[in-house]
Amino acid sequence: MLSGIPQGSVLGPLLFTMYINDLADICIHNETDIYLYADDAKIYKHVFSKADQDQLQLSLSKLHDWSNTWLLSLNAHKCKVVSYARHADKNYKHKMIQQDRIIELDREDHIKDLGVIFDENLDFGVHTVHIAERINKAYSMLWLIKRNFKDIGREAFLLLYKHLVRSHLEYCNSVWALYKKLTLTNSRKCKNGLLR
């Protein structure tokens, strides 16, 4: 092997962690930070001015240099830019170099991270992409149960429903369904007579 780690081995995750261990030290500077999870990396920075945008671009360039040093090619077409703000400057174009060509990174209004779709307003209302995807997945699982289990009892249906349908609806609900916290706060106020 010229680069990377052997896949499917018992030591693979440990070797991969050792392989990318210095990536955080390379990319972090001037309040630019990086999140690493398995083979996924997110570079972020609070941007207030053009100088901050330039610092973020410098971190991207350092990431590119690191990947070239370790013969780990990045696919620039899979790299996306998302700005989380009310009034974000979306005119700045971040770039990466791939095969001696400068490629402008695509700017998205939403991005999927570990199964949760975050939009640029961090809104998880009824008509958002994340909620629509969860509902569609739940309906497809219900259809699967209906198609494959025609004569099924109530207890068996409930068991299948809890494992195949409800699990999709409740996945990561602590991130996107914060209404429970607000409802609890409001009910306490009602009991104390503060809210009518």
Protein backbone atom coordinates (compact mmCIF):
# COMPACT_ATOMS: atom_id res chain seq x y z
CA MET A 1 0.00 0.00 0.00
CA LEU A 2 1.29 3.40 -0.95
CA SER A 3 -1.10 5.39 1.25
CA GLY A 4 -4.10 5.03 3.53
CA ILE A 5 -4.89 2.07 5.76
CA PRO A 6 -6.15 -1.48 5.12
CA GLN A 7 -9.94 -1.56 5.14
CA GLY A 8 -12.06 -4.11 6.97
CA SER A 9 -9.41 -4.94 9.53
CA VAL A 10 -9.78 -4.94 13.31
CA LEU A 11 -7.03 -2.33 13.69
CA GLY A 12 -8.41 -0.20 10.82
CA PRO A 13 -10.21 2.41 12.97
CA LEU A 14 -7.21 2.81 15.28
CA LEU A 15 -4.79 3.09 12.36
CA PHE A 16 -7.06 5.63 10.65
CA THR A 17 -7.19 7.73 13.83
CA MET A 18 -3.39 7.68 14.01
CA TYR A 19 -3.23 8.48 10.28
CA ILE A 20 -5.32 11.66 10.57
CA ASN A 21 -4.24 12.61 14.09
CA ASP A 22 -2.19 15.62 12.98
CA LEU A 23 -4.95 17.02 10.75
CA ALA A 24 -6.47 19.03 13.61
CA ASP A 25 -3.09 20.62 14.40
CA ILE A 26 -2.57 21.56 10.76
CA CYS A 27 -5.96 23.19 10.16
CA ILE A 28 -6.55 24.93 13.49
CA HIS A 29 -5.25 28.49 13.69
CA ASN A 30 -6.67 31.97 14.30
CA GLU A 31 -9.93 30.64 15.78
CA THR A 32 -10.53 28.29 12.85
CA ASP A 33 -11.53 24.89 14.18
CA ILE A 34 -12.23 21.44 12.82
CA TYR A 35 -14.64 18.66 13.79
CA LEU A 36 -13.57 15.11 12.96
CA TYR A 37 -15.88 12.11 13.01
CA ALA A 38 -14.62 8.89 11.40
CA ASP A 39 -13.70 9.92 7.85
CA ASP A 40 -15.73 13.15 7.94
CA ALA A 41 -14.21 16.56 8.65
CA LYS A 42 -15.85 19.95 9.05
CA ILE A 43 -13.83 23.14 9.18
CA TYR A 44 -15.62 26.12 10.66
CA LYS A 45 -14.98 29.68 11.73
CA HIS A 46 -17.02 32.59 13.03
CA VAL A 47 -16.87 35.03 10.10
CA PHE A 48 -17.26 38.73 10.79
CA SER A 49 -15.08 40.23 8.06
CA LYS A 50 -13.24 39.45 4.86
CA ALA A 51 -10.11 38.72 6.92
CA ASP A 52 -12.01 35.90 8.66
CA GLN A 53 -13.04 34.51 5.28
CA ASP A 54 -9.42 34.62 4.15
CA GLN A 55 -8.37 32.73 7.30
CA LEU A 56 -10.96 30.05 6.54
CA GLN A 57 -9.63 29.80 2.97
CA LEU A 58 -6.11 29.45 4.39
CA SER A 59 -7.31 26.51 6.52
CA LEU A 60 -8.78 24.89 3.40
CA SER A 61 -5.47 25.35 1.61
CA LYS A 62 -3.62 23.76 4.52
CA LEU A 63 -6.08 20.85 4.44
CA HIS A 64 -5.32 20.42 0.75
CA ASP A 65 -1.54 20.50 1.37
CA TRP A 66 -1.92 17.92 4.16
CA SER A 67 -3.93 15.60 1.92
CA ASN A 68 -1.30 15.88 -0.83
CA THR A 69 1.50 15.13 1.64
CA TRP A 70 -0.23 11.93 2.81
CA LEU A 71 -1.41 10.94 -0.71
CA LEU A 72 -5.03 11.15 0.42
CA SER A 73 -6.87 12.81 -2.44
CA LEU A 74 -9.97 14.83 -1.61
CA ASN A 75 -12.98 15.07 -3.88
CA ALA A 76 -13.63 18.81 -4.13
CA HIS A 77 -17.08 18.17 -5.62
CA LYS A 78 -18.17 16.53 -2.34
CA CYS A 79 -16.95 19.50 -0.28
CA LYS A 80 -19.71 22.00 0.46
CA VAL A 81 -19.96 25.43 2.09
CA VAL A 82 -22.84 26.38 4.38
CA SER A 83 -23.24 29.68 6.24
CA TYR A 84 -25.34 29.76 9.41
CA ALA A 85 -26.46 33.34 9.98
CA ARG A 86 -29.33 35.72 9.46
CA HIS A 87 -27.37 37.98 7.14
CA ALA A 88 -24.44 35.93 5.84
CA ASP A 89 -22.20 37.19 3.08
CA LYS A 90 -22.59 34.53 0.41
CA ASN A 91 -20.52 36.30 -2.23
CA TYR A 92 -17.18 34.95 -1.01
CA LYS A 93 -16.14 31.87 -3.01
CA HIS A 94 -14.04 29.27 -1.22
CA LYS A 95 -11.75 27.22 -3.46
CA MET A 96 -9.80 23.96 -3.46
CA ILE A 97 -7.20 22.64 -5.86
CA GLN A 98 -7.82 19.28 -7.51
CA GLN A 99 -5.61 17.81 -10.21
CA ASP A 100 -3.89 21.18 -10.76
CA ARG A 101 -7.24 22.93 -11.26
CA ILE A 102 -8.82 25.46 -8.92
CA ILE A 103 -12.35 24.32 -8.14
CA GLU A 104 -14.88 26.63 -6.53
CA LEU A 105 -16.73 24.88 -3.70
CA ASP A 106 -20.50 24.69 -4.01
CA ARG A 107 -22.52 26.73 -1.54
CA GLU A 108 -25.58 24.90 -0.17
CA ASP A 109 -28.55 26.12 1.83
CA HIS A 110 -28.73 22.83 3.77
CA ILE A 111 -26.39 19.95 4.55
CA LYS A 112 -26.80 16.47 6.00
CA ASP A 113 -24.68 15.67 9.04
CA LEU A 114 -24.96 12.24 10.68
CA GLY A 115 -28.50 11.79 9.38
CA VAL A 116 -29.82 15.23 10.41
CA ILE A 117 -30.37 17.87 7.73
CA PHE A 118 -29.38 21.34 8.93
CA ASP A 119 -30.53 24.33 6.89
CA GLU A 120 -28.81 27.71 6.92
CA ASN A 121 -31.41 29.12 9.34
CA LEU A 122 -31.17 26.12 11.70
CA ASP A 123 -34.93 25.79 11.33
CA PHE A 124 -36.64 22.45 11.94
CA GLY A 125 -40.20 23.59 11.20
CA VAL A 126 -42.91 21.45 9.65
CA HIS A 127 -41.99 22.32 6.05
CA THR A 128 -38.23 21.81 6.25
CA VAL A 129 -36.19 19.27 4.31
CA HIS A 130 -35.30 17.23 7.40
CA ILE A 131 -38.91 16.77 8.54
CA ALA A 132 -40.06 15.90 5.01
CA GLU A 133 -37.32 13.27 4.67
CA ARG A 134 -38.17 11.71 8.04
CA ILE A 135 -41.88 11.53 7.17
CA ASN A 136 -41.16 9.99 3.75
CA LYS A 137 -38.91 7.38 5.34
CA ALA A 138 -41.58 6.53 7.93
CA TYR A 139 -44.24 6.16 5.23
CA SER A 140 -41.98 3.88 3.19
CA MET A 141 -41.42 1.68 6.26
CA LEU A 142 -45.18 1.56 6.92
CA TRP A 143 -45.74 0.50 3.32
CA LEU A 144 -43.07 -2.18 3.73
CA ILE A 145 -44.85 -3.56 6.81
CA LYS A 146 -48.25 -3.45 5.07
CA ARG A 147 -46.91 -5.21 1.96
CA ASN A 148 -44.96 -7.98 3.69
CA PHE A 149 -47.12 -8.65 6.75
CA LYS A 150 -50.76 -8.91 5.62
CA ASP A 151 -52.18 -10.97 8.49
CA ILE A 152 -50.38 -9.63 11.51
CA GLY A 153 -51.57 -9.29 15.07
CA ARG A 154 -51.66 -6.08 17.07
CA GLU A 155 -48.63 -6.90 19.24
CA ALA A 156 -46.48 -7.92 16.29
CA PHE A 157 -47.51 -4.77 14.39
CA LEU A 158 -46.62 -2.58 17.38
CA LEU A 159 -43.25 -4.27 17.66
CA LEU A 160 -42.52 -3.71 13.95
CA TYR A 161 -43.85 -0.15 14.13
CA LYS A 162 -41.64 0.78 17.08
CA HIS A 163 -38.52 -0.64 15.45
CA LEU A 164 -39.04 0.26 11.79
CA VAL A 165 -41.19 3.40 11.76
CA ARG A 166 -40.94 5.20 15.08
CA SER A 167 -37.16 4.89 15.17
CA HIS A 168 -36.94 6.96 11.97
CA LEU A 169 -39.31 9.60 13.31
CA GLU A 170 -37.44 9.95 16.61
CA TYR A 171 -33.87 9.76 15.28
CA CYS A 172 -31.84 12.60 16.86
CA ASN A 173 -34.99 14.32 18.07
CA SER A 174 -33.04 15.99 20.87
CA VAL A 175 -31.42 18.11 18.13
CA TRP A 176 -34.42 19.01 16.00
CA ALA A 177 -37.43 18.68 18.35
CA LEU A 178 -36.71 21.16 21.10
CA TYR A 179 -40.43 21.90 21.54
CA LYS A 180 -40.51 19.41 24.42
CA LYS A 181 -38.22 21.67 26.42
CA LEU A 182 -40.42 24.70 25.66
CA THR A 183 -43.60 22.76 26.47
CA LEU A 184 -42.16 21.67 29.82
CA THR A 185 -41.18 25.26 30.64
CA ASN A 186 -44.63 26.56 29.65
CA SER A 187 -46.43 23.89 31.71
CA ARG A 188 -44.41 24.86 34.78
CA LYS A 189 -45.38 28.49 34.25
CA CYS A 190 -49.03 27.49 33.93
CA LYS A 191 -48.91 25.61 37.23
CA ASN A 192 -47.40 28.63 38.94
CA GLY A 193 -50.12 30.88 37.48
CA LEU A 194 -47.64 32.92 35.44
CA LEU A 195 -49.03 31.93 32.04
CA ARG A 196 -52.75 31.80 31.24
